[in-house]
Amino acid sequence: MKQITKVMMFVWRERDHRPEFLLVHRRKGDVVTPTGHVERTDKSLEEAARRETREEMGVDPIEVINLDYTVKVKLSKMGYLSTEHAFLIKVPENGAKYTENDELSSWNKLEELDKLMTYPKQKGAIKNIKKYFRSLKANKLTS
């Protein structure tokens, strides 16, 4: 089985002082966060996440946070074992649009992700996202 490395991109923007997250509604019916392959030319996983955001969203990320969440996904039909690393990626409020494969996408509240997303292994990163936003909120209160 061929091994590949990918980045899961939890792309978000701030809208009315609240985070909204991009989800992709694929033709086959599942709902996912965007992912991308780590290329040999990428110097780091973060660089791969930045490059994939530019390629799939058409914008440079404002911020890229490693969520410290990694899963292995067996893609049997394709003969791959994928190691996927999750990143939280902030993009500009306007101008960021998912452009990959003409698939539909939507912006969603953090509270909706667990209900909308199809795959439990992608959903596993949500707890780290919530922890990140709780720490942001706590830092604002102490500033």
N, C-alpha and C. Protein backbone atom coordinates (compact mmCIF):
# COMPACT_ATOMS: atom_id res chain seq x y z
N MET A 1 0.85 -1.18 0.00
CA MET A 1 0.00 0.00 0.00
C MET A 1 0.89 1.24 0.00
N LYS A 2 0.65 2.13 -0.93
CA LYS A 2 1.43 3.36 -1.05
C LYS A 2 1.08 4.33 0.08
N GLN A 3 2.10 4.95 0.67
CA GLN A 3 1.86 5.91 1.75
C GLN A 3 1.97 7.33 1.21
N ILE A 4 0.99 8.16 1.58
CA ILE A 4 1.00 9.57 1.19
C ILE A 4 0.79 10.43 2.43
N THR A 5 1.16 11.69 2.32
CA THR A 5 0.96 12.65 3.41
C THR A 5 0.10 13.78 2.89
N LYS A 6 -0.90 14.15 3.70
CA LYS A 6 -1.83 15.21 3.29
C LYS A 6 -2.00 16.21 4.44
N VAL A 7 -2.54 17.36 4.09
CA VAL A 7 -2.94 18.35 5.09
C VAL A 7 -4.46 18.52 5.02
N MET A 8 -5.08 18.53 6.21
CA MET A 8 -6.51 18.85 6.32
C MET A 8 -6.57 20.34 6.64
N MET A 9 -7.32 21.07 5.87
CA MET A 9 -7.34 22.52 6.02
C MET A 9 -8.69 22.98 6.56
N PHE A 10 -8.71 23.32 7.83
CA PHE A 10 -9.91 23.89 8.42
C PHE A 10 -9.85 25.39 8.17
N VAL A 11 -10.35 25.77 7.00
CA VAL A 11 -10.29 27.15 6.53
C VAL A 11 -11.40 27.94 7.21
N TRP A 12 -11.04 29.10 7.76
CA TRP A 12 -12.04 29.92 8.43
C TRP A 12 -11.83 31.39 8.12
N ARG A 13 -12.91 32.13 8.29
CA ARG A 13 -12.87 33.58 8.16
C ARG A 13 -13.70 34.16 9.31
N GLU A 14 -13.44 35.41 9.61
CA GLU A 14 -14.21 36.07 10.64
C GLU A 14 -15.33 36.86 9.98
N ARG A 15 -16.55 36.61 10.41
CA ARG A 15 -17.73 37.30 9.87
C ARG A 15 -18.57 37.74 11.06
N ASP A 16 -18.79 39.03 11.19
CA ASP A 16 -19.54 39.59 12.31
C ASP A 16 -18.95 39.14 13.66
N HIS A 17 -17.63 39.17 13.74
CA HIS A 17 -16.88 38.83 14.96
C HIS A 17 -17.03 37.37 15.38
N ARG A 18 -17.43 36.51 14.46
CA ARG A 18 -17.55 35.07 14.73
C ARG A 18 -16.86 34.29 13.62
N PRO A 19 -16.26 33.15 13.97
CA PRO A 19 -15.63 32.34 12.93
C PRO A 19 -16.64 31.57 12.10
N GLU A 20 -16.37 31.51 10.79
CA GLU A 20 -17.13 30.66 9.87
C GLU A 20 -16.14 29.74 9.18
N PHE A 21 -16.53 28.50 8.98
CA PHE A 21 -15.64 27.48 8.43
C PHE A 21 -16.14 26.97 7.09
N LEU A 22 -15.20 26.77 6.19
CA LEU A 22 -15.53 26.29 4.86
C LEU A 22 -15.67 24.77 4.86
N LEU A 23 -16.76 24.29 4.31
CA LEU A 23 -16.94 22.86 4.07
C LEU A 23 -17.22 22.65 2.59
N VAL A 24 -16.74 21.52 2.08
CA VAL A 24 -16.92 21.16 0.67
C VAL A 24 -17.98 20.06 0.60
N HIS A 25 -18.97 20.28 -0.25
CA HIS A 25 -20.04 19.30 -0.47
C HIS A 25 -19.71 18.59 -1.79
N ARG A 26 -19.11 17.43 -1.66
CA ARG A 26 -18.64 16.74 -2.87
C ARG A 26 -19.78 16.06 -3.61
N ARG A 27 -19.56 15.85 -4.90
CA ARG A 27 -20.58 15.26 -5.77
C ARG A 27 -21.05 13.90 -5.28
N LYS A 28 -20.15 13.14 -4.65
CA LYS A 28 -20.54 11.80 -4.20
C LYS A 28 -21.37 11.84 -2.91
N GLY A 29 -21.62 13.06 -2.39
CA GLY A 29 -22.54 13.21 -1.27
C GLY A 29 -21.93 13.45 0.09
N ASP A 30 -20.62 13.34 0.21
CA ASP A 30 -20.02 13.58 1.51
C ASP A 30 -19.66 15.05 1.70
N VAL A 31 -19.49 15.44 2.95
CA VAL A 31 -19.16 16.82 3.30
C VAL A 31 -17.85 16.78 4.08
N VAL A 32 -16.86 17.53 3.59
CA VAL A 32 -15.51 17.43 4.14
C VAL A 32 -14.87 18.81 4.26
N THR A 33 -13.79 18.85 5.00
CA THR A 33 -12.94 20.02 4.99
C THR A 33 -11.94 19.81 3.85
N PRO A 34 -11.46 20.86 3.19
CA PRO A 34 -10.51 20.65 2.09
C PRO A 34 -9.23 19.96 2.58
N THR A 35 -8.67 19.15 1.71
CA THR A 35 -7.39 18.50 1.98
C THR A 35 -6.49 18.67 0.76
N GLY A 36 -5.20 18.49 0.98
CA GLY A 36 -4.26 18.57 -0.13
C GLY A 36 -3.03 17.74 0.14
N HIS A 37 -2.38 17.31 -0.91
CA HIS A 37 -1.17 16.50 -0.79
C HIS A 37 0.04 17.36 -0.41
N VAL A 38 0.90 16.79 0.40
CA VAL A 38 2.18 17.40 0.69
C VAL A 38 3.12 17.01 -0.45
N GLU A 39 3.71 18.02 -1.09
CA GLU A 39 4.59 17.78 -2.22
C GLU A 39 6.05 17.70 -1.76
N ARG A 40 6.88 17.06 -2.55
CA ARG A 40 8.30 16.95 -2.21
C ARG A 40 8.97 18.32 -2.09
N THR A 41 8.45 19.30 -2.79
CA THR A 41 9.05 20.64 -2.77
C THR A 41 8.64 21.44 -1.52
N ASP A 42 7.63 20.97 -0.79
CA ASP A 42 7.21 21.66 0.43
C ASP A 42 8.27 21.46 1.51
N LYS A 43 8.69 22.55 2.14
CA LYS A 43 9.71 22.46 3.18
C LYS A 43 9.15 22.03 4.52
N SER A 44 7.82 22.16 4.69
CA SER A 44 7.18 21.78 5.95
C SER A 44 5.71 21.50 5.69
N LEU A 45 5.05 20.92 6.68
CA LEU A 45 3.60 20.70 6.57
C LEU A 45 2.87 22.03 6.50
N GLU A 46 3.35 23.02 7.26
CA GLU A 46 2.73 24.34 7.23
C GLU A 46 2.84 24.96 5.84
N GLU A 47 3.99 24.80 5.22
CA GLU A 47 4.16 25.34 3.87
C GLU A 47 3.19 24.66 2.90
N ALA A 48 2.98 23.36 3.07
CA ALA A 48 2.03 22.64 2.22
C ALA A 48 0.62 23.18 2.43
N ALA A 49 0.26 23.45 3.69
CA ALA A 49 -1.07 24.00 3.99
C ALA A 49 -1.24 25.38 3.36
N ARG A 50 -0.20 26.21 3.42
CA ARG A 50 -0.26 27.54 2.80
C ARG A 50 -0.41 27.42 1.28
N ARG A 51 0.39 26.56 0.67
CA ARG A 51 0.35 26.38 -0.79
C ARG A 51 -1.02 25.86 -1.23
N GLU A 52 -1.52 24.86 -0.54
CA GLU A 52 -2.83 24.30 -0.90
C GLU A 52 -3.95 25.33 -0.73
N THR A 53 -3.84 26.17 0.28
CA THR A 53 -4.85 27.23 0.46
C THR A 53 -4.82 28.18 -0.72
N ARG A 54 -3.63 28.57 -1.15
CA ARG A 54 -3.52 29.45 -2.33
C ARG A 54 -4.12 28.77 -3.56
N GLU A 55 -3.80 27.48 -3.75
CA GLU A 55 -4.28 26.76 -4.93
C GLU A 55 -5.80 26.56 -4.90
N GLU A 56 -6.35 26.21 -3.75
CA GLU A 56 -7.77 25.85 -3.68
C GLU A 56 -8.69 27.01 -3.35
N MET A 57 -8.14 28.07 -2.75
CA MET A 57 -8.98 29.20 -2.34
C MET A 57 -8.65 30.49 -3.10
N GLY A 58 -7.50 30.53 -3.74
CA GLY A 58 -7.12 31.71 -4.49
C GLY A 58 -6.67 32.89 -3.65
N VAL A 59 -6.34 32.64 -2.37
CA VAL A 59 -5.86 33.70 -1.47
C VAL A 59 -4.70 33.20 -0.63
N ASP A 60 -3.90 34.16 -0.15
CA ASP A 60 -2.85 33.83 0.81
C ASP A 60 -3.46 33.77 2.20
N PRO A 61 -3.12 32.76 2.98
CA PRO A 61 -3.64 32.68 4.33
C PRO A 61 -3.14 33.84 5.19
N ILE A 62 -3.99 34.31 6.09
CA ILE A 62 -3.60 35.33 7.06
C ILE A 62 -2.80 34.67 8.18
N GLU A 63 -3.24 33.47 8.55
CA GLU A 63 -2.62 32.75 9.67
C GLU A 63 -2.80 31.26 9.46
N VAL A 64 -1.76 30.48 9.83
CA VAL A 64 -1.83 29.02 9.75
C VAL A 64 -1.42 28.47 11.11
N ILE A 65 -2.31 27.71 11.73
CA ILE A 65 -2.07 27.14 13.05
C ILE A 65 -2.08 25.62 12.94
N ASN A 66 -1.02 24.98 13.41
CA ASN A 66 -0.98 23.52 13.47
C ASN A 66 -1.88 23.08 14.62
N LEU A 67 -2.90 22.28 14.33
CA LEU A 67 -3.85 21.84 15.34
C LEU A 67 -3.35 20.66 16.16
N ASP A 68 -2.16 20.18 15.86
CA ASP A 68 -1.59 19.05 16.60
C ASP A 68 -2.56 17.86 16.60
N TYR A 69 -3.09 17.57 15.42
CA TYR A 69 -4.03 16.47 15.24
C TYR A 69 -3.65 15.75 13.94
N THR A 70 -3.36 14.46 14.06
CA THR A 70 -2.94 13.66 12.91
C THR A 70 -3.72 12.35 12.92
N VAL A 71 -4.18 11.95 11.74
CA VAL A 71 -4.89 10.67 11.61
C VAL A 71 -4.33 9.90 10.41
N LYS A 72 -4.56 8.60 10.44
CA LYS A 72 -4.23 7.75 9.30
C LYS A 72 -5.55 7.31 8.67
N VAL A 73 -5.62 7.45 7.35
CA VAL A 73 -6.83 7.09 6.62
C VAL A 73 -6.45 6.10 5.53
N LYS A 74 -7.10 4.95 5.55
CA LYS A 74 -6.86 3.92 4.54
C LYS A 74 -7.81 4.14 3.38
N LEU A 75 -7.24 4.44 2.22
CA LEU A 75 -8.03 4.65 1.00
C LEU A 75 -7.86 3.39 0.13
N SER A 76 -8.59 2.36 0.50
CA SER A 76 -8.41 1.04 -0.10
C SER A 76 -8.61 1.02 -1.60
N LYS A 77 -9.63 1.72 -2.10
CA LYS A 77 -9.92 1.71 -3.54
C LYS A 77 -8.75 2.25 -4.35
N MET A 78 -8.01 3.19 -3.74
CA MET A 78 -6.88 3.81 -4.45
C MET A 78 -5.55 3.17 -4.05
N GLY A 79 -5.57 2.29 -3.07
CA GLY A 79 -4.35 1.63 -2.63
C GLY A 79 -3.42 2.53 -1.83
N TYR A 80 -3.97 3.49 -1.08
CA TYR A 80 -3.17 4.45 -0.31
C TYR A 80 -3.43 4.32 1.18
N LEU A 81 -2.40 4.61 1.95
CA LEU A 81 -2.53 4.87 3.37
C LEU A 81 -2.10 6.32 3.54
N SER A 82 -3.04 7.16 3.93
CA SER A 82 -2.81 8.60 4.00
C SER A 82 -2.63 9.03 5.46
N THR A 83 -1.53 9.73 5.74
CA THR A 83 -1.33 10.35 7.03
C THR A 83 -1.73 11.81 6.85
N GLU A 84 -2.73 12.26 7.63
CA GLU A 84 -3.30 13.59 7.43
C GLU A 84 -3.11 14.45 8.67
N HIS A 85 -2.57 15.65 8.47
CA HIS A 85 -2.25 16.59 9.53
C HIS A 85 -3.20 17.78 9.42
N ALA A 86 -3.84 18.15 10.56
CA ALA A 86 -4.86 19.20 10.54
C ALA A 86 -4.28 20.58 10.85
N PHE A 87 -4.73 21.56 10.08
CA PHE A 87 -4.33 22.96 10.25
C PHE A 87 -5.56 23.84 10.27
N LEU A 88 -5.51 24.88 11.09
CA LEU A 88 -6.53 25.91 11.15
C LEU A 88 -5.99 27.08 10.34
N ILE A 89 -6.72 27.47 9.30
CA ILE A 89 -6.20 28.45 8.35
C ILE A 89 -7.17 29.62 8.22
N LYS A 90 -6.72 30.78 8.67
CA LYS A 90 -7.55 31.98 8.56
C LYS A 90 -7.31 32.63 7.20
N VAL A 91 -8.42 32.97 6.53
CA VAL A 91 -8.36 33.64 5.24
C VAL A 91 -9.12 34.97 5.34
N PRO A 92 -8.90 35.88 4.38
CA PRO A 92 -9.63 37.15 4.41
C PRO A 92 -11.14 36.93 4.36
N GLU A 93 -11.88 37.85 4.98
CA GLU A 93 -13.34 37.73 5.02
C GLU A 93 -13.94 37.73 3.62
N ASN A 94 -13.42 38.55 2.75
CA ASN A 94 -13.93 38.62 1.38
C ASN A 94 -12.88 38.11 0.40
N GLY A 95 -13.31 37.51 -0.65
CA GLY A 95 -12.40 37.10 -1.70
C GLY A 95 -11.97 35.66 -1.67
N ALA A 96 -12.12 34.99 -0.52
CA ALA A 96 -11.74 33.58 -0.44
C ALA A 96 -12.90 32.72 -0.93
N LYS A 97 -12.64 31.91 -1.95
CA LYS A 97 -13.69 31.07 -2.51
C LYS A 97 -13.08 29.74 -2.91
N TYR A 98 -13.73 28.66 -2.58
CA TYR A 98 -13.25 27.33 -2.95
C TYR A 98 -13.40 27.14 -4.45
N THR A 99 -12.31 26.82 -5.12
CA THR A 99 -12.32 26.77 -6.57
C THR A 99 -11.97 25.39 -7.14
N GLU A 100 -11.78 24.42 -6.30
CA GLU A 100 -11.31 23.10 -6.73
C GLU A 100 -12.46 22.26 -7.29
N ASN A 101 -12.29 21.69 -8.45
CA ASN A 101 -13.20 20.69 -9.03
C ASN A 101 -14.66 21.11 -9.19
N ASP A 102 -14.95 22.38 -9.22
CA ASP A 102 -16.33 22.84 -9.39
C ASP A 102 -17.31 22.23 -8.39
N GLU A 103 -16.82 21.87 -7.21
CA GLU A 103 -17.70 21.31 -6.19
C GLU A 103 -18.31 22.46 -5.37
N LEU A 104 -19.44 22.19 -4.74
CA LEU A 104 -20.11 23.19 -3.94
C LEU A 104 -19.41 23.34 -2.59
N SER A 105 -19.51 24.53 -2.03
CA SER A 105 -18.94 24.75 -0.71
C SER A 105 -19.89 25.66 0.08
N SER A 106 -19.70 25.68 1.39
CA SER A 106 -20.52 26.54 2.25
C SER A 106 -19.69 27.01 3.43
N TRP A 107 -20.07 28.17 3.98
CA TRP A 107 -19.45 28.69 5.19
C TRP A 107 -20.39 28.37 6.34
N ASN A 108 -19.82 27.81 7.43
CA ASN A 108 -20.64 27.29 8.52
C ASN A 108 -20.09 27.70 9.88
N LYS A 109 -20.98 27.77 10.86
CA LYS A 109 -20.58 28.08 12.23
C LYS A 109 -19.83 26.89 12.83
N LEU A 110 -18.97 27.16 13.78
CA LEU A 110 -18.20 26.11 14.45
C LEU A 110 -19.13 25.05 15.04
N GLU A 111 -20.24 25.49 15.62
CA GLU A 111 -21.18 24.56 16.26
C GLU A 111 -21.81 23.59 15.25
N GLU A 112 -21.79 23.92 13.98
CA GLU A 112 -22.44 23.10 12.95
C GLU A 112 -21.51 22.02 12.37
N LEU A 113 -20.21 22.17 12.56
CA LEU A 113 -19.26 21.28 11.88
C LEU A 113 -19.49 19.81 12.20
N ASP A 114 -19.63 19.50 13.49
CA ASP A 114 -19.77 18.10 13.89
C ASP A 114 -20.99 17.45 13.24
N LYS A 115 -22.06 18.21 13.11
CA LYS A 115 -23.30 17.68 12.52
C LYS A 115 -23.17 17.54 11.00
N LEU A 116 -22.48 18.47 10.35
CA LEU A 116 -22.44 18.50 8.89
C LEU A 116 -21.38 17.60 8.27
N MET A 117 -20.23 17.48 8.93
CA MET A 117 -19.12 16.74 8.34
C MET A 117 -19.40 15.23 8.33
N THR A 118 -18.93 14.55 7.30
CA THR A 118 -19.22 13.14 7.11
C THR A 118 -18.29 12.22 7.90
N TYR A 119 -16.99 12.50 7.90
CA TYR A 119 -16.02 11.53 8.38
C TYR A 119 -15.55 11.80 9.81
N PRO A 120 -15.70 10.79 10.70
CA PRO A 120 -15.29 10.95 12.10
C PRO A 120 -13.82 11.34 12.28
N LYS A 121 -12.95 10.85 11.42
CA LYS A 121 -11.53 11.18 11.58
C LYS A 121 -11.27 12.66 11.31
N GLN A 122 -12.01 13.27 10.40
CA GLN A 122 -11.88 14.72 10.21
C GLN A 122 -12.53 15.46 11.38
N LYS A 123 -13.66 14.96 11.84
CA LYS A 123 -14.36 15.59 12.96
C LYS A 123 -13.51 15.63 14.22
N GLY A 124 -12.58 14.69 14.35
CA GLY A 124 -11.74 14.62 15.54
C GLY A 124 -10.96 15.90 15.81
N ALA A 125 -10.68 16.67 14.80
CA ALA A 125 -9.92 17.92 14.96
C ALA A 125 -10.77 19.04 15.55
N ILE A 126 -12.08 18.88 15.55
CA ILE A 126 -12.97 19.95 16.02
C ILE A 126 -12.69 20.31 17.47
N LYS A 127 -12.39 19.31 18.31
CA LYS A 127 -12.12 19.62 19.72
C LYS A 127 -10.89 20.51 19.86
N ASN A 128 -9.88 20.34 19.01
CA ASN A 128 -8.69 21.19 19.04
C ASN A 128 -9.01 22.60 18.54
N ILE A 129 -9.93 22.69 17.58
CA ILE A 129 -10.36 24.00 17.08
C ILE A 129 -11.09 24.75 18.19
N LYS A 130 -11.99 24.07 18.88
CA LYS A 130 -12.72 24.70 19.98
C LYS A 130 -11.75 25.16 21.08
N LYS A 131 -10.77 24.34 21.37
CA LYS A 131 -9.77 24.70 22.39
C LYS A 131 -9.02 25.96 21.96
N TYR A 132 -8.65 26.05 20.69
CA TYR A 132 -7.95 27.22 20.18
C TYR A 132 -8.80 28.49 20.36
N PHE A 133 -10.07 28.43 19.99
CA PHE A 133 -10.93 29.61 20.10
C PHE A 133 -11.23 29.97 21.56
N ARG A 134 -11.32 28.96 22.44
CA ARG A 134 -11.47 29.26 23.87
C ARG A 134 -10.25 30.01 24.39
N SER A 135 -9.05 29.59 23.96
CA SER A 135 -7.83 30.27 24.42
C SER A 135 -7.76 31.69 23.86
N LEU A 136 -8.21 31.90 22.64
CA LEU A 136 -8.26 33.25 22.07
C LEU A 136 -9.18 34.15 22.89
N LYS A 137 -10.33 33.61 23.21
CA LYS A 137 -11.31 34.37 23.99
C LYS A 137 -10.75 34.70 25.38
N ALA A 138 -10.09 33.74 26.01
CA ALA A 138 -9.50 33.96 27.33
C ALA A 138 -8.39 35.02 27.26
N ASN A 139 -7.59 35.00 26.20
CA ASN A 139 -6.53 35.99 26.04
C ASN A 139 -7.10 37.39 25.86
N LYS A 140 -8.21 37.51 25.14
CA LYS A 140 -8.85 38.81 24.95
C LYS A 140 -9.38 39.36 26.27
N LEU A 141 -9.89 38.47 27.13
CA LEU A 141 -10.44 38.89 28.41
C LEU A 141 -9.34 39.37 29.36
N THR A 142 -8.14 38.80 29.23
CA THR A 142 -7.05 39.18 30.13
C THR A 142 -6.21 40.31 29.57
N SER A 143 -6.46 40.70 28.34
CA SER A 143 -5.66 41.80 27.74
C SER A 143 -6.16 43.16 28.15
